[in-house]
Amino acid sequence: MPSSLPLGAVRALLLESVHPDAEEILTSAGISVETASGALDAAELIDRLRGVHLLGIRSKTDVAADVIAAADDLLAIGAFCIGTNQIDLAAASEDGLAVFNAPFSNTRSVVELAIAEIIALTRRLTDKSADLHAGVWDKSADGAHEIRGRRLGIVGYGNIGAQLSVLAESLGMSVSFFDTADKLALGNARRCESLDELLSTVDIVTLHVDGRPGNADMFGEAQFALMRPGALFLNLSRGFLVDHASLRDHLESGHLAGAAVDVFPVEPKTRGDEFISELRGMRNTILTPHIGGSTEEAQQDIGRYVAAKLRDYVVEGTTTMSVNLPTLQLAVRPDTHRIVHLHHNVPGVLANINGLLADNKVNIEGQLLGTRGDLGYVITDVAVDYPAGVPDQLEAMAEPVRLRVLS
């Protein structure tokens, strides 16, 4: 990777129909943008990444270690979604790639879908609608309830779970939650000491946990068996959390009164592909194609947010809200060159950088250092008239993972 890359030479590849505002933000910074509507498999992705410096994906494209190793020109990856489990973060960090996501942008959209599905399942609206489409008039209150007074159990009390808690309470529900981390209960929500306690005491269970590997298969036969007869189940977080065969068994037996599932262990890559699931055809079961965050408002906000992070990283070296690099932001100073130095986190690196600059009689106008795990990151603004060989000398130091001159 050259130490200096003019903005006009920077290329971005945005996959999976990222919102057009993302392209506009990048192109307005002088970055060339190529887009594609669907996800790419590993071989396709490796081929398309030749000469590409910024990659934008959503949830369907896997960026594995072999892809990262083959992408010699790549500088940063933007996940235009909440999760980053589709990216090998360890490999990205080792190669000096910054990774950004949108941890808050679609929170409201997911919460509103959860509320809508809770109401629809509690009133059995999907069954009523299906009956009418089939020509059957069944005007009955059997099995239909108000959500007021119902007990909602939230598994995972992060941004989505906490906001859902507040809205559910405002609709008259009582809320219990379980989270492995120590989270502050909002409103009148009650914290459960264990998942088993939550499952056995609520009318509706909804999952809102992250995609870390340790959460895989967290919900199966044992957990469904603990749920109260007639309870409802929702999963709008990750498909690999749930054993769908067990869920089907408990729906067929009548133990569970209904379910809503937005995410699946295996999902089609592109619109129009066949969807296969054990849950197809089940009564009072809402299946949606991973659309929790798919509102125009959320997708626009995600597009703007992640694109701005990628732009700022390329232009200013800013890593604020990066999921894998030290997070730094240094105000841009006029009449300076900015050098960003990502390095192995060992003692003495900053002293070595500054010593080299001093030996070359380069004046430091501003500087910021941050560390995160095995990596350190230094942003240094220097006087314009530094010797031409300084970047090469910095790049030749033993510690650098990646060095760039930004201006």
Protein backbone atom coordinates (compact mmCIF):
# COMPACT_ATOMS: atom_id res chain seq x y z
CA MET A 1 0.00 0.00 0.00
CA PRO A 2 1.53 3.36 -0.97
CA SER A 3 2.08 5.79 1.87
CA SER A 4 0.08 8.47 0.09
CA LEU A 5 -3.10 7.88 -1.91
CA PRO A 6 -4.86 10.87 -3.54
CA LEU A 7 -8.59 10.94 -2.87
CA GLY A 8 -9.28 10.83 -6.59
CA ALA A 9 -7.58 7.43 -6.72
CA VAL A 10 -9.61 5.89 -3.86
CA ARG A 11 -12.16 3.30 -4.99
CA ALA A 12 -15.14 1.96 -3.01
CA LEU A 13 -17.31 -1.10 -3.61
CA LEU A 14 -20.77 -1.07 -2.00
CA LEU A 15 -22.73 -4.34 -2.03
CA GLU A 16 -26.23 -5.49 -1.08
CA SER A 17 -28.12 -2.35 -2.16
CA VAL A 18 -26.64 0.04 0.36
CA HIS A 19 -28.69 3.26 0.50
CA PRO A 20 -27.85 5.74 -2.31
CA ASP A 21 -26.93 8.42 0.23
CA ALA A 22 -23.80 6.40 1.04
CA GLU A 23 -22.63 6.65 -2.56
CA GLU A 24 -23.37 10.38 -2.57
CA ILE A 25 -21.34 11.00 0.58
CA LEU A 26 -18.34 9.10 -0.77
CA THR A 27 -18.42 10.57 -4.27
CA SER A 28 -18.73 14.09 -2.86
CA ALA A 29 -15.37 13.46 -1.18
CA GLY A 30 -13.82 12.54 -4.53
CA ILE A 31 -14.02 8.77 -4.01
CA SER A 32 -14.97 6.56 -6.97
CA VAL A 33 -17.88 4.24 -6.09
CA GLU A 34 -19.07 0.98 -7.65
CA THR A 35 -22.29 -0.66 -6.42
CA ALA A 36 -23.94 -4.08 -6.63
CA SER A 37 -27.40 -5.16 -5.49
CA GLY A 38 -26.60 -8.61 -4.10
CA ALA A 39 -24.08 -10.36 -1.90
CA LEU A 40 -20.93 -12.00 -3.28
CA ASP A 41 -19.36 -15.32 -2.38
CA ALA A 42 -15.67 -15.50 -1.44
CA ALA A 43 -14.31 -16.07 -4.95
CA GLU A 44 -16.44 -13.30 -6.45
CA LEU A 45 -15.52 -10.92 -3.65
CA ILE A 46 -11.79 -11.55 -4.00
CA ASP A 47 -12.05 -10.84 -7.72
CA ARG A 48 -14.06 -7.63 -7.26
CA LEU A 49 -11.77 -6.28 -4.52
CA ARG A 50 -8.77 -5.87 -6.80
CA GLY A 51 -7.88 -2.17 -6.67
CA VAL A 52 -10.66 -1.45 -4.14
CA HIS A 53 -9.82 0.51 -0.98
CA LEU A 54 -13.20 0.69 0.78
CA LEU A 55 -15.73 -2.15 1.01
CA GLY A 56 -19.34 -1.68 2.09
CA ILE A 57 -21.52 -4.70 2.91
CA ARG A 58 -24.63 -5.62 4.83
CA SER A 59 -25.38 -8.94 6.53
CA LYS A 60 -25.16 -11.41 3.62
CA THR A 61 -21.54 -10.96 2.50
CA ASP A 62 -18.91 -12.84 4.50
CA VAL A 63 -15.50 -11.18 4.68
CA ALA A 64 -13.34 -14.07 5.85
CA ALA A 65 -9.61 -14.16 6.52
CA ASP A 66 -8.81 -15.48 3.04
CA VAL A 67 -10.70 -12.59 1.46
CA ILE A 68 -8.85 -10.07 3.62
CA ALA A 69 -5.49 -11.68 2.83
CA ALA A 70 -6.17 -11.40 -0.91
CA ALA A 71 -7.40 -7.78 -0.77
CA ASP A 72 -4.03 -6.03 -1.01
CA ASP A 73 -5.49 -2.56 -1.59
CA LEU A 74 -8.24 -2.62 1.03
CA LEU A 75 -8.12 0.05 3.77
CA ALA A 76 -11.47 -0.24 5.55
CA ILE A 77 -14.72 -2.20 5.69
CA GLY A 78 -18.11 -0.68 6.44
CA ALA A 79 -20.88 -2.95 7.74
CA PHE A 80 -24.08 -1.11 6.83
CA CYS A 81 -25.97 -2.88 9.63
CA ILE A 82 -25.61 -3.52 13.36
CA GLY A 83 -23.70 -6.81 13.39
CA THR A 84 -20.11 -7.45 12.32
CA ASN A 85 -20.01 -11.23 12.85
CA GLN A 86 -19.85 -11.64 9.04
CA ILE A 87 -16.37 -10.04 9.14
CA ASP A 88 -13.24 -11.73 10.51
CA LEU A 89 -12.32 -8.90 12.85
CA ALA A 90 -9.09 -10.53 14.03
CA ALA A 91 -7.85 -10.85 10.45
CA ALA A 92 -8.94 -7.29 9.67
CA SER A 93 -7.04 -5.94 12.67
CA GLU A 94 -3.94 -7.95 11.84
CA ASP A 95 -3.98 -6.53 8.32
CA GLY A 96 -4.57 -2.98 9.55
CA LEU A 97 -8.12 -2.64 8.19
CA ALA A 98 -10.55 -0.38 10.03
CA VAL A 99 -14.07 -1.80 10.45
CA PHE A 100 -17.13 0.37 11.08
CA ASN A 101 -20.80 -0.46 11.64
CA ALA A 102 -24.05 1.29 12.56
CA PRO A 103 -24.86 0.17 16.10
CA PHE A 104 -27.78 2.55 16.69
CA SER A 105 -29.27 3.58 13.35
CA ASN A 106 -31.97 0.91 12.97
CA THR A 107 -32.87 0.52 16.64
CA ARG A 108 -36.26 2.21 16.35
CA SER A 109 -37.21 0.25 13.23
CA VAL A 110 -36.51 -3.11 14.91
CA VAL A 111 -38.41 -2.08 18.03
CA GLU A 112 -41.47 -0.98 16.03
CA LEU A 113 -41.50 -4.29 14.15
CA ALA A 114 -41.33 -6.19 17.45
CA ILE A 115 -44.26 -4.21 18.87
CA ALA A 116 -46.28 -4.72 15.67
CA GLU A 117 -45.64 -8.46 15.72
CA ILE A 118 -46.51 -8.78 19.41
CA ILE A 119 -49.88 -7.12 18.74
CA ALA A 120 -50.49 -9.17 15.59
CA LEU A 121 -49.69 -12.47 17.33
CA THR A 122 -51.67 -11.62 20.46
CA ARG A 123 -54.74 -10.81 18.35
CA ARG A 124 -54.04 -13.73 15.94
CA LEU A 125 -54.26 -11.29 13.03
CA THR A 126 -52.27 -13.49 10.65
CA ASP A 127 -54.67 -16.39 11.09
CA LYS A 128 -57.72 -14.13 10.69
CA SER A 129 -56.25 -12.62 7.51
CA ALA A 130 -55.32 -16.04 6.07
CA ASP A 131 -58.85 -17.35 6.76
CA LEU A 132 -60.47 -14.43 4.98
CA HIS A 133 -58.13 -14.79 1.99
CA ALA A 134 -59.28 -18.41 1.87
CA GLY A 135 -62.95 -17.30 1.98
CA VAL A 136 -63.57 -18.36 5.60
CA TRP A 137 -65.44 -15.94 7.89
CA ASP A 138 -64.46 -16.66 11.53
CA LYS A 139 -65.55 -13.78 13.74
CA SER A 140 -64.45 -15.00 17.16
CA ALA A 141 -62.56 -13.71 20.19
CA ASP A 142 -61.10 -17.13 20.99
CA GLY A 143 -57.36 -16.86 21.62
CA ALA A 144 -57.27 -13.09 21.02
CA HIS A 145 -55.99 -10.81 23.76
CA GLU A 146 -55.00 -7.24 24.48
CA ILE A 147 -51.30 -6.68 25.10
CA ARG A 148 -52.13 -4.46 28.07
CA GLY A 149 -51.23 -6.36 31.19
CA ARG A 150 -49.26 -9.03 29.34
CA ARG A 151 -45.78 -9.89 30.62
CA LEU A 152 -42.98 -9.28 28.12
CA GLY A 153 -39.60 -10.98 28.59
CA ILE A 154 -36.67 -9.39 26.79
CA VAL A 155 -33.51 -11.47 26.37
CA GLY A 156 -30.69 -8.99 25.75
CA TYR A 157 -31.09 -5.49 27.18
CA GLY A 158 -28.91 -3.51 24.80
CA ASN A 159 -29.96 -0.58 22.63
CA ILE A 160 -32.90 -2.43 21.05
CA GLY A 161 -33.99 -4.34 24.13
CA ALA A 162 -33.96 -1.22 26.32
CA GLN A 163 -35.95 0.88 23.86
CA LEU A 164 -38.45 -1.95 23.39
CA SER A 165 -38.79 -2.08 27.17
CA VAL A 166 -39.80 1.59 27.33
CA LEU A 167 -42.32 1.40 24.48
CA ALA A 168 -43.86 -1.83 25.78
CA GLU A 169 -44.40 -0.27 29.20
CA SER A 170 -46.05 2.75 27.61
CA LEU A 171 -48.55 0.33 26.03
CA GLY A 172 -49.40 -1.16 29.42
CA MET A 173 -47.18 -4.24 29.39
CA SER A 174 -45.07 -5.35 32.34
CA VAL A 175 -41.45 -5.99 31.37
CA SER A 176 -38.84 -8.43 32.63
CA PHE A 177 -35.40 -8.76 31.08
CA PHE A 178 -32.29 -10.91 31.26
CA ASP A 179 -28.81 -9.85 30.20
CA THR A 180 -25.44 -11.36 31.04
CA ALA A 181 -24.08 -7.83 31.54
CA ASP A 182 -25.12 -5.59 34.41
CA LYS A 183 -27.68 -3.27 32.79
CA LEU A 184 -29.71 -0.48 34.35
CA ALA A 185 -33.43 -1.26 34.31
CA LEU A 186 -35.48 1.47 32.65
CA GLY A 187 -38.88 2.50 33.95
CA ASN A 188 -40.47 -0.33 35.92
CA ALA A 189 -38.68 -3.14 34.11
CA ARG A 190 -37.58 -6.02 36.35
CA ARG A 191 -34.23 -7.74 35.96
CA CYS A 192 -34.26 -11.56 36.09
CA GLU A 193 -31.31 -13.34 37.64
CA SER A 194 -31.35 -16.14 35.07
CA LEU A 195 -32.76 -16.94 31.65
CA ASP A 196 -34.72 -19.82 33.19
CA GLU A 197 -36.44 -17.40 35.57
CA LEU A 198 -37.49 -15.15 32.70
CA LEU A 199 -38.77 -17.98 30.51
CA SER A 200 -40.97 -19.44 33.22
CA THR A 201 -42.62 -16.16 34.26
CA VAL A 202 -43.52 -14.20 31.08
CA ASP A 203 -46.16 -14.42 28.36
CA ILE A 204 -43.95 -13.28 25.47
CA VAL A 205 -40.24 -13.94 24.93
CA THR A 206 -38.26 -11.82 22.48
CA LEU A 207 -34.55 -12.21 21.66
CA HIS A 208 -32.31 -9.18 21.16
CA VAL A 209 -28.76 -10.47 21.70
CA ASP A 210 -25.66 -9.96 19.58
CA GLY A 211 -24.02 -12.35 17.15
CA ARG A 212 -20.95 -13.39 19.12
CA PRO A 213 -20.08 -17.08 18.61
CA GLY A 214 -20.86 -17.92 22.23
CA ASN A 215 -24.53 -17.14 21.64
CA ALA A 216 -24.94 -19.77 18.93
CA ASP A 217 -27.70 -22.32 19.65
CA MET A 218 -28.63 -20.54 22.87
CA PHE A 219 -32.33 -21.31 22.40
CA GLY A 220 -33.48 -24.87 21.83
CA GLU A 221 -35.68 -27.63 23.22
CA ALA A 222 -34.77 -27.02 26.86
CA GLN A 223 -35.55 -23.31 26.65
CA PHE A 224 -38.84 -23.74 24.76
CA ALA A 225 -39.93 -26.36 27.29
CA LEU A 226 -39.51 -23.81 30.10
CA MET A 227 -41.82 -21.28 28.47
CA ARG A 228 -45.36 -20.95 29.78
CA PRO A 229 -48.18 -22.72 27.88
CA GLY A 230 -49.69 -20.32 25.36
CA ALA A 231 -46.64 -18.07 25.31
CA LEU A 232 -45.36 -16.26 22.21
CA PHE A 233 -41.79 -16.28 20.88
CA LEU A 234 -39.98 -13.66 18.77
CA ASN A 235 -36.48 -13.62 17.28
CA LEU A 236 -35.36 -10.45 15.52
CA SER A 237 -31.66 -10.75 16.32
CA ARG A 238 -29.64 -13.64 14.80
CA GLY A 239 -30.80 -16.79 13.02
CA PHE A 240 -28.21 -19.14 14.47
CA LEU A 241 -29.44 -18.53 18.02
CA VAL A 242 -32.51 -20.74 17.68
CA ASP A 243 -33.23 -24.40 16.91
CA HIS A 244 -36.10 -23.99 14.46
CA ALA A 245 -37.03 -27.68 14.52
CA SER A 246 -37.71 -27.41 18.25
CA LEU A 247 -39.66 -24.21 17.72
CA ARG A 248 -41.83 -25.96 15.12
CA ASP A 249 -42.48 -28.87 17.51
CA HIS A 250 -43.71 -26.53 20.23
CA LEU A 251 -45.91 -24.62 17.80
CA GLU A 252 -47.41 -27.82 16.38
CA SER A 253 -48.12 -29.23 19.84
CA GLY A 254 -49.90 -26.03 20.87
CA HIS A 255 -47.51 -25.41 23.73
CA LEU A 256 -46.61 -22.08 22.10
CA ALA A 257 -49.47 -19.97 20.76
CA GLY A 258 -47.43 -18.25 18.07
CA ALA A 259 -44.05 -16.98 16.90
CA ALA A 260 -42.47 -14.24 14.83
CA VAL A 261 -39.09 -14.86 13.19
CA ASP A 262 -37.14 -12.31 11.14
CA VAL A 263 -33.74 -14.04 10.97
CA PHE A 264 -32.76 -17.55 9.92
CA PRO A 265 -29.71 -19.83 10.14
CA VAL A 266 -29.47 -19.90 6.34
CA GLU A 267 -30.89 -17.01 4.32
CA PRO A 268 -31.15 -16.52 0.55
CA LYS A 269 -28.46 -14.21 -0.80
CA THR A 270 -30.60 -12.22 -3.21
CA ARG A 271 -34.20 -11.14 -3.64
CA GLY A 272 -36.30 -13.81 -5.37
CA ASP A 273 -34.23 -16.81 -4.26
CA GLU A 274 -36.19 -19.67 -2.67
CA PHE A 275 -36.60 -19.48 1.10
CA ILE A 276 -36.48 -22.83 2.90
CA SER A 277 -37.45 -23.23 6.56
CA GLU A 278 -39.12 -25.71 8.92
CA LEU A 279 -41.43 -22.87 9.93
CA ARG A 280 -43.16 -22.39 6.61
CA GLY A 281 -46.90 -23.04 6.78
CA MET A 282 -47.22 -22.78 10.57
CA ARG A 283 -50.37 -21.16 11.98
CA ASN A 284 -50.05 -17.86 13.85
CA THR A 285 -46.41 -17.62 12.79
CA ILE A 286 -45.05 -14.47 11.20
CA LEU A 287 -42.02 -14.98 8.96
CA THR A 288 -40.26 -11.90 7.62
CA PRO A 289 -37.16 -11.76 5.37
CA HIS A 290 -34.65 -10.14 7.75
CA ILE A 291 -36.37 -6.75 7.56
CA GLY A 292 -36.09 -5.64 11.19
CA GLY A 293 -34.00 -2.64 10.17
CA SER A 294 -35.39 -2.38 6.65
CA THR A 295 -37.25 0.88 6.76
CA GLU A 296 -36.40 3.75 4.46
CA GLU A 297 -35.58 5.89 7.48
CA ALA A 298 -33.21 3.35 9.04
CA GLN A 299 -31.47 2.46 5.78
CA GLN A 300 -30.91 6.11 4.94
CA ASP A 301 -29.48 6.79 8.39
CA ILE A 302 -27.25 3.71 8.21
CA GLY A 303 -26.06 4.70 4.73
CA ARG A 304 -25.13 8.18 5.87
CA TYR A 305 -23.56 7.08 9.15
CA VAL A 306 -21.27 4.32 7.87
CA ALA A 307 -20.31 6.16 4.68
CA ALA A 308 -19.30 9.18 6.75
CA LYS A 309 -17.12 6.94 8.94
CA LEU A 310 -15.39 5.48 5.87
CA ARG A 311 -14.91 8.96 4.37
CA ASP A 312 -13.49 10.39 7.59
CA TYR A 313 -11.10 7.48 7.95
CA VAL A 314 -9.75 7.96 4.45
CA VAL A 315 -9.63 11.76 4.59
CA GLU A 316 -8.66 12.44 8.22
CA GLY A 317 -7.62 9.11 9.70
CA THR A 318 -10.50 9.34 12.20
CA THR A 319 -11.43 6.00 13.77
CA THR A 320 -14.25 7.10 16.09
CA MET A 321 -16.68 4.19 16.64
CA SER A 322 -14.44 1.68 14.86
CA VAL A 323 -15.21 -1.80 16.15
CA ASN A 324 -11.60 -3.03 15.99
CA LEU A 325 -9.06 -0.17 15.96
CA PRO A 326 -8.17 2.36 18.66
CA THR A 327 -10.69 5.20 18.37
CA LEU A 328 -9.11 8.59 17.71
CA GLN A 329 -10.19 11.93 16.30
CA LEU A 330 -7.76 14.84 15.97
CA ALA A 331 -8.97 18.21 14.73
CA VAL A 332 -7.60 19.01 11.28
CA ARG A 333 -4.98 21.76 11.29
CA PRO A 334 -4.37 24.04 8.31
CA ASP A 335 -1.03 23.98 6.49
CA THR A 336 0.00 20.56 7.82
CA HIS A 337 0.51 17.05 6.56
CA ARG A 338 -1.22 14.27 8.48
CA ILE A 339 0.56 10.97 9.03
CA VAL A 340 -1.40 8.05 10.52
CA HIS A 341 0.60 5.18 11.94
CA LEU A 342 -1.08 1.90 12.92
CA HIS A 343 1.39 -0.30 14.76
CA HIS A 344 1.90 -3.23 17.09
CA ASN A 345 1.23 -2.13 20.65
CA VAL A 346 4.72 -2.39 22.14
CA PRO A 347 6.58 0.10 24.36
CA GLY A 348 8.53 2.92 22.78
CA VAL A 349 6.76 3.29 19.43
CA LEU A 350 5.71 6.90 20.01
CA ALA A 351 9.20 7.81 21.17
CA ASN A 352 10.69 6.19 18.06
CA ILE A 353 8.30 8.06 15.76
CA ASN A 354 9.00 11.38 17.39
CA GLY A 355 12.73 10.70 17.51
CA LEU A 356 12.77 10.01 13.79
CA LEU A 357 10.81 13.20 13.10
CA ALA A 358 13.16 15.19 15.32
CA ASP A 359 16.22 13.75 13.56
CA ASN A 360 14.72 15.03 10.30
CA LYS A 361 13.97 18.42 11.90
CA VAL A 362 10.22 17.91 11.40
CA ASN A 363 8.05 20.00 13.69
CA ILE A 364 5.01 18.25 15.23
CA GLU A 365 1.95 20.53 15.13
CA GLY A 366 -0.48 18.07 16.75
CA GLN A 367 -0.49 14.45 17.83
CA LEU A 368 -2.77 11.84 19.39
CA LEU A 369 -2.07 8.23 20.45
CA GLY A 370 -4.51 5.47 21.33
CA THR A 371 -4.19 1.73 21.94
CA ARG A 372 -6.57 -1.21 21.74
CA GLY A 373 -5.44 -4.74 22.44
CA ASP A 374 -2.47 -5.57 20.25
CA LEU A 375 -2.70 -2.38 18.20
CA GLY A 376 -1.63 1.21 18.69
CA TYR A 377 -2.63 4.13 16.51
CA VAL A 378 -0.94 7.53 16.20
CA ILE A 379 -2.23 10.55 14.29
CA THR A 380 0.49 13.15 13.78
CA ASP A 381 0.19 16.55 12.07
CA VAL A 382 3.55 17.87 10.89
CA ALA A 383 4.77 21.00 9.17
CA VAL A 384 4.34 21.04 5.43
CA ASP A 385 8.02 21.25 4.57
CA TYR A 386 9.18 17.85 5.84
CA PRO A 387 11.86 15.90 3.94
CA ALA A 388 10.47 13.64 1.22
CA GLY A 389 12.03 10.50 2.68
CA VAL A 390 10.30 10.70 6.07
CA PRO A 391 7.33 8.44 5.19
CA ASP A 392 9.69 5.76 3.87
CA GLN A 393 11.72 5.92 7.07
CA LEU A 394 8.58 5.59 9.18
CA GLU A 395 7.39 2.69 7.07
CA ALA A 396 10.73 0.96 7.52
CA MET A 397 10.36 0.91 11.32
CA ALA A 398 9.86 -2.54 12.87
CA GLU A 399 6.45 -1.90 14.43
CA PRO A 400 4.15 -0.53 11.67
CA VAL A 401 1.09 -2.48 10.54
CA ARG A 402 0.00 0.27 8.15
CA LEU A 403 1.20 3.82 7.48
CA ARG A 404 -0.57 6.50 5.46
CA VAL A 405 0.10 10.13 4.58
CA LEU A 406 -3.29 11.79 4.22
CA SER A 407 -2.51 15.34 3.10
